[in-house]
């Protein structure tokens, strides 16, 4: 489940490097969670980055402001859908909830 924590997990199943990284980051005071499928977490992050980073850079608006504009919302969703299409081709999109990702983006932008 997505959160405000850094998600970490083994890229190579069974490599057991996650406990070492988890301990290191926790001792450094970072909020960390572990996941059994780090690829899915990376795709969730990528979905938001693809939808918003270019629009933020071009418009100088934050997430919430982009979504407040009808054309901005539609464009962000189109970009995210395209990224989801690519994730589908890698069989990685089953656990990605695009609406939840947009809700988190909107919520995090309004709490800044």
N, C-alpha and C. Protein backbone atom coordinates (compact mmCIF):
# COMPACT_ATOMS: atom_id res chain seq x y z
N UNK A 1 0.85 -1.19 0.00
CA UNK A 1 0.00 0.00 0.00
C UNK A 1 0.89 1.25 0.00
N UNK A 2 0.67 2.17 -0.90
CA UNK A 2 1.49 3.38 -0.98
C UNK A 2 1.36 4.24 0.27
N UNK A 3 2.44 4.89 0.63
CA UNK A 3 2.43 5.77 1.80
C UNK A 3 3.49 6.84 1.62
N UNK A 4 3.72 7.59 2.68
CA UNK A 4 4.76 8.62 2.65
C UNK A 4 6.12 8.06 3.04
N UNK A 5 6.24 6.76 3.06
CA UNK A 5 7.51 6.12 3.41
C UNK A 5 8.26 5.74 2.15
N UNK A 6 9.58 5.64 2.28
CA UNK A 6 10.40 5.12 1.20
C UNK A 6 10.14 3.62 1.13
N UNK A 7 9.77 3.14 -0.04
CA UNK A 7 9.56 1.70 -0.22
C UNK A 7 10.85 1.08 -0.73
N UNK A 8 11.27 0.02 -0.06
CA UNK A 8 12.46 -0.70 -0.51
C UNK A 8 12.12 -2.18 -0.59
N UNK A 9 12.84 -2.87 -1.44
CA UNK A 9 12.64 -4.31 -1.61
C UNK A 9 13.73 -4.88 -2.48
N UNK A 10 13.86 -6.17 -2.43
CA UNK A 10 14.87 -6.85 -3.24
C UNK A 10 14.50 -6.75 -4.72
N UNK A 11 15.44 -6.31 -5.53
CA UNK A 11 15.24 -6.28 -6.97
C UNK A 11 15.36 -7.70 -7.49
N UNK A 12 16.31 -8.42 -6.97
CA UNK A 12 16.49 -9.83 -7.32
C UNK A 12 15.91 -10.65 -6.18
N UNK A 13 14.84 -11.38 -6.46
CA UNK A 13 14.18 -12.17 -5.42
C UNK A 13 15.18 -13.08 -4.72
N UNK A 14 15.12 -13.08 -3.40
CA UNK A 14 15.98 -13.95 -2.61
C UNK A 14 17.36 -13.40 -2.34
N UNK A 15 17.67 -12.19 -2.78
CA UNK A 15 19.01 -11.64 -2.56
C UNK A 15 19.22 -11.21 -1.12
N UNK A 16 18.14 -10.97 -0.41
CA UNK A 16 18.18 -10.60 1.02
C UNK A 16 19.00 -9.37 1.32
N UNK A 17 19.03 -8.41 0.43
CA UNK A 17 19.72 -7.15 0.74
C UNK A 17 18.79 -6.16 1.43
N UNK A 18 17.49 -6.38 1.35
CA UNK A 18 16.53 -5.45 1.94
C UNK A 18 16.73 -5.25 3.44
N UNK A 19 16.93 -6.31 4.24
CA UNK A 19 17.10 -6.08 5.69
C UNK A 19 18.28 -5.17 6.03
N UNK A 20 19.35 -5.27 5.28
CA UNK A 20 20.52 -4.42 5.51
C UNK A 20 20.18 -2.96 5.20
N UNK A 21 19.56 -2.74 4.05
CA UNK A 21 19.16 -1.38 3.67
C UNK A 21 18.13 -0.82 4.62
N UNK A 22 17.18 -1.65 5.04
CA UNK A 22 16.14 -1.22 5.97
C UNK A 22 16.76 -0.75 7.28
N UNK A 23 17.67 -1.53 7.82
CA UNK A 23 18.33 -1.17 9.08
C UNK A 23 19.11 0.13 8.93
N UNK A 24 19.84 0.25 7.86
CA UNK A 24 20.66 1.45 7.61
C UNK A 24 19.78 2.70 7.53
N UNK A 25 18.71 2.64 6.76
CA UNK A 25 17.84 3.80 6.59
C UNK A 25 17.06 4.14 7.86
N UNK A 26 16.60 3.12 8.56
CA UNK A 26 15.88 3.37 9.81
C UNK A 26 16.79 4.03 10.85
N UNK A 27 18.03 3.55 10.95
CA UNK A 27 18.98 4.18 11.89
C UNK A 27 19.28 5.62 11.50
N UNK A 28 19.14 5.94 10.22
CA UNK A 28 19.32 7.31 9.75
C UNK A 28 18.09 8.18 9.93
N UNK A 29 17.01 7.59 10.45
CA UNK A 29 15.81 8.36 10.72
C UNK A 29 14.84 8.48 9.55
N UNK A 30 15.06 7.71 8.50
CA UNK A 30 14.18 7.78 7.34
C UNK A 30 12.94 6.91 7.55
N UNK A 31 11.78 7.40 7.12
CA UNK A 31 10.58 6.56 7.18
C UNK A 31 10.63 5.54 6.05
N UNK A 32 10.69 4.27 6.38
CA UNK A 32 10.91 3.22 5.39
C UNK A 32 9.88 2.11 5.56
N UNK A 33 9.44 1.55 4.45
CA UNK A 33 8.63 0.34 4.47
C UNK A 33 9.22 -0.64 3.46
N UNK A 34 8.93 -1.90 3.64
CA UNK A 34 9.42 -2.90 2.70
C UNK A 34 8.26 -3.40 1.84
N UNK A 35 8.62 -3.88 0.68
CA UNK A 35 7.63 -4.42 -0.26
C UNK A 35 8.19 -5.67 -0.90
N UNK A 36 7.29 -6.58 -1.24
CA UNK A 36 7.73 -7.80 -1.90
C UNK A 36 7.88 -7.60 -3.41
N UNK A 37 7.34 -6.50 -3.94
CA UNK A 37 7.45 -6.23 -5.38
C UNK A 37 7.88 -4.79 -5.61
N UNK A 38 9.17 -4.53 -5.57
CA UNK A 38 9.70 -3.18 -5.71
C UNK A 38 9.40 -2.61 -7.09
N UNK A 39 9.29 -3.49 -8.09
CA UNK A 39 8.97 -3.00 -9.44
C UNK A 39 7.63 -2.28 -9.47
N UNK A 40 6.65 -2.83 -8.78
CA UNK A 40 5.33 -2.21 -8.74
C UNK A 40 5.40 -0.85 -8.06
N UNK A 41 6.18 -0.74 -6.99
CA UNK A 41 6.33 0.55 -6.31
C UNK A 41 7.01 1.58 -7.22
N UNK A 42 8.00 1.13 -7.98
CA UNK A 42 8.67 2.03 -8.92
C UNK A 42 7.71 2.51 -10.00
N UNK A 43 6.85 1.62 -10.49
CA UNK A 43 5.89 2.02 -11.50
C UNK A 43 4.86 2.99 -10.93
N UNK A 44 4.46 2.80 -9.68
CA UNK A 44 3.53 3.76 -9.06
C UNK A 44 4.15 5.15 -9.04
N UNK A 45 5.40 5.21 -8.64
CA UNK A 45 6.12 6.48 -8.59
C UNK A 45 6.27 7.07 -10.01
N UNK A 46 6.63 6.22 -10.94
CA UNK A 46 6.81 6.68 -12.32
C UNK A 46 5.51 7.23 -12.89
N UNK A 47 4.39 6.62 -12.55
CA UNK A 47 3.10 7.07 -13.03
C UNK A 47 2.86 8.53 -12.67
N UNK A 48 3.13 8.89 -11.43
CA UNK A 48 2.96 10.28 -11.00
C UNK A 48 3.99 11.18 -11.66
N UNK A 49 5.24 10.72 -11.72
CA UNK A 49 6.29 11.54 -12.34
C UNK A 49 5.96 11.85 -13.81
N UNK A 50 5.50 10.85 -14.53
CA UNK A 50 5.17 11.05 -15.95
C UNK A 50 3.99 12.00 -16.10
N UNK A 51 3.02 11.87 -15.22
CA UNK A 51 1.81 12.70 -15.32
C UNK A 51 2.07 14.15 -14.95
N UNK A 52 2.92 14.39 -13.97
CA UNK A 52 3.02 15.73 -13.43
C UNK A 52 4.33 16.48 -13.69
N UNK A 53 5.45 15.80 -13.71
CA UNK A 53 6.71 16.53 -13.83
C UNK A 53 6.80 17.41 -15.08
N UNK A 54 6.43 16.90 -16.27
CA UNK A 54 6.51 17.78 -17.44
C UNK A 54 5.54 18.95 -17.34
N UNK A 55 4.35 18.69 -16.80
CA UNK A 55 3.35 19.76 -16.68
C UNK A 55 3.79 20.80 -15.66
N UNK A 56 4.38 20.35 -14.56
CA UNK A 56 4.91 21.27 -13.55
C UNK A 56 6.02 22.13 -14.15
N UNK A 57 6.93 21.49 -14.88
CA UNK A 57 8.06 22.22 -15.45
C UNK A 57 7.61 23.26 -16.47
N UNK A 58 6.63 22.90 -17.28
CA UNK A 58 6.17 23.82 -18.32
C UNK A 58 5.28 24.94 -17.77
N UNK A 59 4.46 24.62 -16.76
CA UNK A 59 3.47 25.59 -16.28
C UNK A 59 3.88 26.31 -15.00
N UNK A 60 4.87 25.76 -14.28
CA UNK A 60 5.28 26.28 -12.97
C UNK A 60 4.14 26.21 -11.95
N UNK A 61 3.26 25.23 -12.13
CA UNK A 61 2.15 24.99 -11.20
C UNK A 61 2.43 23.71 -10.43
N UNK A 62 1.89 23.60 -9.20
CA UNK A 62 2.06 22.35 -8.47
C UNK A 62 0.96 21.37 -8.85
N UNK A 63 1.01 20.15 -8.28
CA UNK A 63 0.09 19.09 -8.66
C UNK A 63 -1.36 19.54 -8.60
N UNK A 64 -1.76 20.08 -7.46
CA UNK A 64 -3.15 20.48 -7.25
C UNK A 64 -3.58 21.54 -8.24
N UNK A 65 -2.70 22.50 -8.52
CA UNK A 65 -3.03 23.57 -9.46
C UNK A 65 -3.21 23.03 -10.88
N UNK A 66 -2.38 22.06 -11.26
CA UNK A 66 -2.53 21.44 -12.58
C UNK A 66 -3.88 20.75 -12.68
N UNK A 67 -4.26 20.03 -11.61
CA UNK A 67 -5.53 19.29 -11.64
C UNK A 67 -6.74 20.21 -11.54
N UNK A 68 -6.55 21.42 -11.00
CA UNK A 68 -7.65 22.37 -10.90
C UNK A 68 -8.06 22.92 -12.27
N UNK A 69 -7.18 22.84 -13.23
CA UNK A 69 -7.46 23.31 -14.59
C UNK A 69 -7.95 22.11 -15.39
N UNK A 70 -9.11 22.24 -16.02
CA UNK A 70 -9.70 21.10 -16.73
C UNK A 70 -8.74 20.50 -17.75
N UNK A 71 -8.13 21.34 -18.56
CA UNK A 71 -7.18 20.83 -19.57
C UNK A 71 -5.97 20.19 -18.92
N UNK A 72 -5.52 20.76 -17.79
CA UNK A 72 -4.38 20.19 -17.07
C UNK A 72 -4.71 18.82 -16.52
N UNK A 73 -5.90 18.69 -15.94
CA UNK A 73 -6.35 17.41 -15.41
C UNK A 73 -6.43 16.37 -16.52
N UNK A 74 -7.03 16.75 -17.64
CA UNK A 74 -7.18 15.82 -18.76
C UNK A 74 -5.82 15.41 -19.32
N UNK A 75 -4.91 16.36 -19.44
CA UNK A 75 -3.58 16.05 -19.98
C UNK A 75 -2.81 15.14 -19.01
N UNK A 76 -2.86 15.45 -17.71
CA UNK A 76 -2.18 14.60 -16.73
C UNK A 76 -2.72 13.18 -16.77
N UNK A 77 -4.03 13.05 -16.87
CA UNK A 77 -4.63 11.72 -16.94
C UNK A 77 -4.27 10.99 -18.23
N UNK A 78 -4.18 11.71 -19.32
CA UNK A 78 -3.77 11.10 -20.59
C UNK A 78 -2.33 10.59 -20.51
N UNK A 79 -1.46 11.39 -19.91
CA UNK A 79 -0.07 10.97 -19.74
C UNK A 79 0.01 9.73 -18.85
N UNK A 80 -0.76 9.73 -17.75
CA UNK A 80 -0.75 8.60 -16.83
C UNK A 80 -1.30 7.34 -17.51
N UNK A 81 -2.35 7.49 -18.31
CA UNK A 81 -2.92 6.34 -19.01
C UNK A 81 -1.92 5.74 -19.98
N UNK A 82 -1.15 6.59 -20.64
CA UNK A 82 -0.11 6.10 -21.55
C UNK A 82 0.95 5.32 -20.78
N UNK A 83 1.35 5.83 -19.62
CA UNK A 83 2.32 5.12 -18.79
C UNK A 83 1.74 3.79 -18.31
N UNK A 84 0.46 3.79 -17.97
CA UNK A 84 -0.21 2.57 -17.54
C UNK A 84 -0.26 1.54 -18.67
N UNK A 85 -0.43 2.02 -19.87
CA UNK A 85 -0.41 1.13 -21.04
C UNK A 85 0.96 0.44 -21.15
N UNK A 86 2.02 1.19 -20.96
CA UNK A 86 3.37 0.61 -21.01
C UNK A 86 3.54 -0.38 -19.86
N UNK A 87 3.07 -0.02 -18.65
CA UNK A 87 3.16 -0.93 -17.50
C UNK A 87 2.41 -2.24 -17.81
N UNK A 88 1.27 -2.13 -18.49
CA UNK A 88 0.52 -3.33 -18.88
C UNK A 88 1.36 -4.25 -19.74
N UNK A 89 2.16 -3.68 -20.62
CA UNK A 89 2.97 -4.49 -21.52
C UNK A 89 4.03 -5.29 -20.75
N UNK A 90 4.37 -4.82 -19.54
CA UNK A 90 5.31 -5.54 -18.68
C UNK A 90 4.59 -6.34 -17.59
N UNK A 91 3.26 -6.39 -17.69
CA UNK A 91 2.42 -7.08 -16.71
C UNK A 91 2.63 -6.54 -15.29
N UNK A 92 2.75 -5.23 -15.19
CA UNK A 92 3.01 -4.60 -13.89
C UNK A 92 1.89 -3.69 -13.42
N UNK A 93 0.83 -3.57 -14.16
CA UNK A 93 -0.17 -2.56 -13.82
C UNK A 93 -1.31 -3.06 -12.95
N UNK A 94 -1.38 -4.35 -12.70
CA UNK A 94 -2.52 -4.88 -11.96
C UNK A 94 -2.69 -4.20 -10.60
N UNK A 95 -1.61 -3.94 -9.90
CA UNK A 95 -1.69 -3.33 -8.58
C UNK A 95 -1.63 -1.81 -8.58
N UNK A 96 -1.71 -1.18 -9.75
CA UNK A 96 -1.61 0.27 -9.83
C UNK A 96 -3.01 0.85 -9.96
N UNK A 97 -3.40 1.65 -8.99
CA UNK A 97 -4.70 2.31 -8.99
C UNK A 97 -4.47 3.77 -9.37
N UNK A 98 -4.74 4.09 -10.63
CA UNK A 98 -4.46 5.44 -11.13
C UNK A 98 -5.25 6.50 -10.36
N UNK A 99 -6.50 6.23 -10.06
CA UNK A 99 -7.31 7.22 -9.33
C UNK A 99 -6.74 7.47 -7.94
N UNK A 100 -6.29 6.42 -7.27
CA UNK A 100 -5.69 6.60 -5.95
C UNK A 100 -4.39 7.41 -6.06
N UNK A 101 -3.64 7.18 -7.12
CA UNK A 101 -2.40 7.94 -7.32
C UNK A 101 -2.70 9.43 -7.52
N UNK A 102 -3.74 9.73 -8.27
CA UNK A 102 -4.12 11.13 -8.48
C UNK A 102 -4.63 11.74 -7.17
N UNK A 103 -5.37 10.97 -6.39
CA UNK A 103 -5.87 11.46 -5.11
C UNK A 103 -4.70 11.79 -4.17
N UNK A 104 -3.71 10.90 -4.11
CA UNK A 104 -2.53 11.16 -3.27
C UNK A 104 -1.80 12.40 -3.76
N UNK A 105 -1.67 12.55 -5.07
CA UNK A 105 -0.99 13.73 -5.63
C UNK A 105 -1.73 15.00 -5.27
N UNK A 106 -3.03 14.97 -5.37
CA UNK A 106 -3.85 16.13 -5.04
C UNK A 106 -3.75 16.45 -3.56
N UNK A 107 -3.85 15.42 -2.73
CA UNK A 107 -3.79 15.60 -1.28
C UNK A 107 -2.42 16.13 -0.85
N UNK A 108 -1.34 15.56 -1.39
CA UNK A 108 -0.01 16.02 -0.98
C UNK A 108 0.24 17.45 -1.44
N UNK A 109 -0.32 17.82 -2.57
CA UNK A 109 -0.13 19.19 -3.07
C UNK A 109 -0.89 20.20 -2.22
N UNK A 110 -2.03 19.80 -1.70
CA UNK A 110 -2.83 20.76 -0.92
C UNK A 110 -2.37 20.86 0.52
N UNK A 111 -1.49 19.95 0.97
CA UNK A 111 -1.00 20.01 2.35
C UNK A 111 0.36 20.66 2.47
N UNK A 112 0.89 21.19 1.37
CA UNK A 112 2.21 21.84 1.41
C UNK A 112 2.11 23.20 2.05
